[in-house]
């Protein structure tokens, strides 16, 4: 399993647009991908799960990836978070 922590930098927090971008990217991989925020874990391939967390600007969250393409998945998610100005 691989894991990385990020901090939300978009003023609106992890709202619908960035959540949709993350879910689409996570769905490209076979690995189990989860988002962890305040001791709550949701499947990053589920838009409803991600939106339910209501992660605000400045909050930290982790992405955990477990499976055969976990390294590629985490790298792709970290890249899209930075490139889209969602988190760092």
Protein backbone atom coordinates (compact mmCIF):
# COMPACT_ATOMS: atom_id res chain seq x y z
CA UNK A 1 0.00 0.00 0.00
CA UNK A 2 1.16 3.52 -0.79
CA UNK A 3 -0.11 6.71 0.80
CA UNK A 4 0.37 10.44 0.37
CA UNK A 5 -1.04 13.45 2.22
CA UNK A 6 -2.24 16.62 0.50
CA UNK A 7 -3.58 20.04 1.53
CA UNK A 8 -6.50 21.62 -0.33
CA UNK A 9 -5.46 24.93 -1.94
CA UNK A 10 -8.56 25.74 -4.00
CA UNK A 11 -10.68 28.38 -2.23
CA UNK A 12 -13.88 26.37 -2.67
CA UNK A 13 -12.42 23.23 -1.11
CA UNK A 14 -12.88 19.80 -2.63
CA UNK A 15 -16.22 20.64 -4.27
CA UNK A 16 -17.96 19.10 -7.30
CA UNK A 17 -15.52 19.99 -10.09
CA UNK A 18 -12.28 18.83 -8.41
CA UNK A 19 -14.04 15.81 -6.92
CA UNK A 20 -15.22 14.79 -10.39
CA UNK A 21 -11.69 15.15 -11.78
CA UNK A 22 -10.28 12.94 -9.01
CA UNK A 23 -12.97 10.27 -9.33
CA UNK A 24 -12.47 10.07 -13.11
CA UNK A 25 -8.70 9.68 -12.72
CA UNK A 26 -8.98 7.14 -9.87
CA UNK A 27 -11.40 5.05 -11.96
CA UNK A 28 -8.69 4.51 -14.57
CA UNK A 29 -6.78 2.20 -12.20
CA UNK A 30 -7.37 -1.35 -10.97
CA UNK A 31 -6.05 -0.66 -7.46
CA UNK A 32 -8.29 0.11 -4.49
CA UNK A 33 -8.04 3.88 -3.99
CA UNK A 34 -9.36 5.58 -0.87
CA UNK A 35 -9.52 9.14 0.40
CA UNK A 36 -9.06 9.60 4.16
CA UNK A 37 -10.23 12.75 5.95
CA UNK A 38 -10.85 13.14 9.71
CA UNK A 39 -10.77 9.38 10.34
CA UNK A 40 -13.36 8.80 7.60
CA UNK A 41 -12.40 6.69 4.61
CA UNK A 42 -14.26 6.70 1.30
CA UNK A 43 -13.70 5.03 -2.04
CA UNK A 44 -12.11 7.64 -4.32
CA UNK A 45 -13.96 6.08 -7.25
CA UNK A 46 -17.28 7.19 -5.70
CA UNK A 47 -18.31 10.81 -6.35
CA UNK A 48 -20.96 10.65 -3.63
CA UNK A 49 -18.45 9.42 -1.06
CA UNK A 50 -15.95 12.16 -1.87
CA UNK A 51 -18.59 14.90 -1.88
CA UNK A 52 -20.03 13.68 1.43
CA UNK A 53 -16.74 14.47 3.18
CA UNK A 54 -17.07 18.21 2.46
CA UNK A 55 -13.32 18.86 2.58
CA UNK A 56 -12.75 22.65 2.93
CA UNK A 57 -9.91 24.93 1.81
CA UNK A 58 -6.77 24.43 3.91
CA UNK A 59 -7.73 20.94 5.07
CA UNK A 60 -5.35 17.99 4.81
CA UNK A 61 -6.38 14.60 3.48
CA UNK A 62 -4.64 11.40 2.46
CA UNK A 63 -4.98 9.15 -0.54
CA UNK A 64 -4.19 5.46 -0.01
CA UNK A 65 -3.71 3.11 -2.92
CA UNK A 66 -3.48 -0.68 -2.72
CA UNK A 67 -3.14 -2.98 -5.71
CA UNK A 68 -1.12 -3.94 -8.74
CA UNK A 69 -0.94 -0.42 -10.25
CA UNK A 70 -0.81 1.49 -6.97
CA UNK A 71 2.37 3.47 -7.67
CA UNK A 72 1.12 4.62 -11.08
CA UNK A 73 -2.28 5.49 -9.60
CA UNK A 74 -0.90 7.59 -6.76
CA UNK A 75 1.52 9.36 -9.09
CA UNK A 76 -1.29 10.20 -11.52
CA UNK A 77 -3.55 11.48 -8.74
CA UNK A 78 -0.78 13.60 -7.19
CA UNK A 79 -0.02 15.07 -10.61
CA UNK A 80 -3.63 15.97 -11.36
CA UNK A 81 -4.12 17.51 -7.90
CA UNK A 82 -1.14 19.82 -8.50
CA UNK A 83 -1.76 20.52 -12.20
CA UNK A 84 -5.41 21.45 -11.58
CA UNK A 85 -4.53 23.64 -8.57
CA UNK A 86 -6.66 21.52 -6.23
CA UNK A 87 -4.10 20.49 -3.61
CA UNK A 88 -0.40 20.36 -2.94
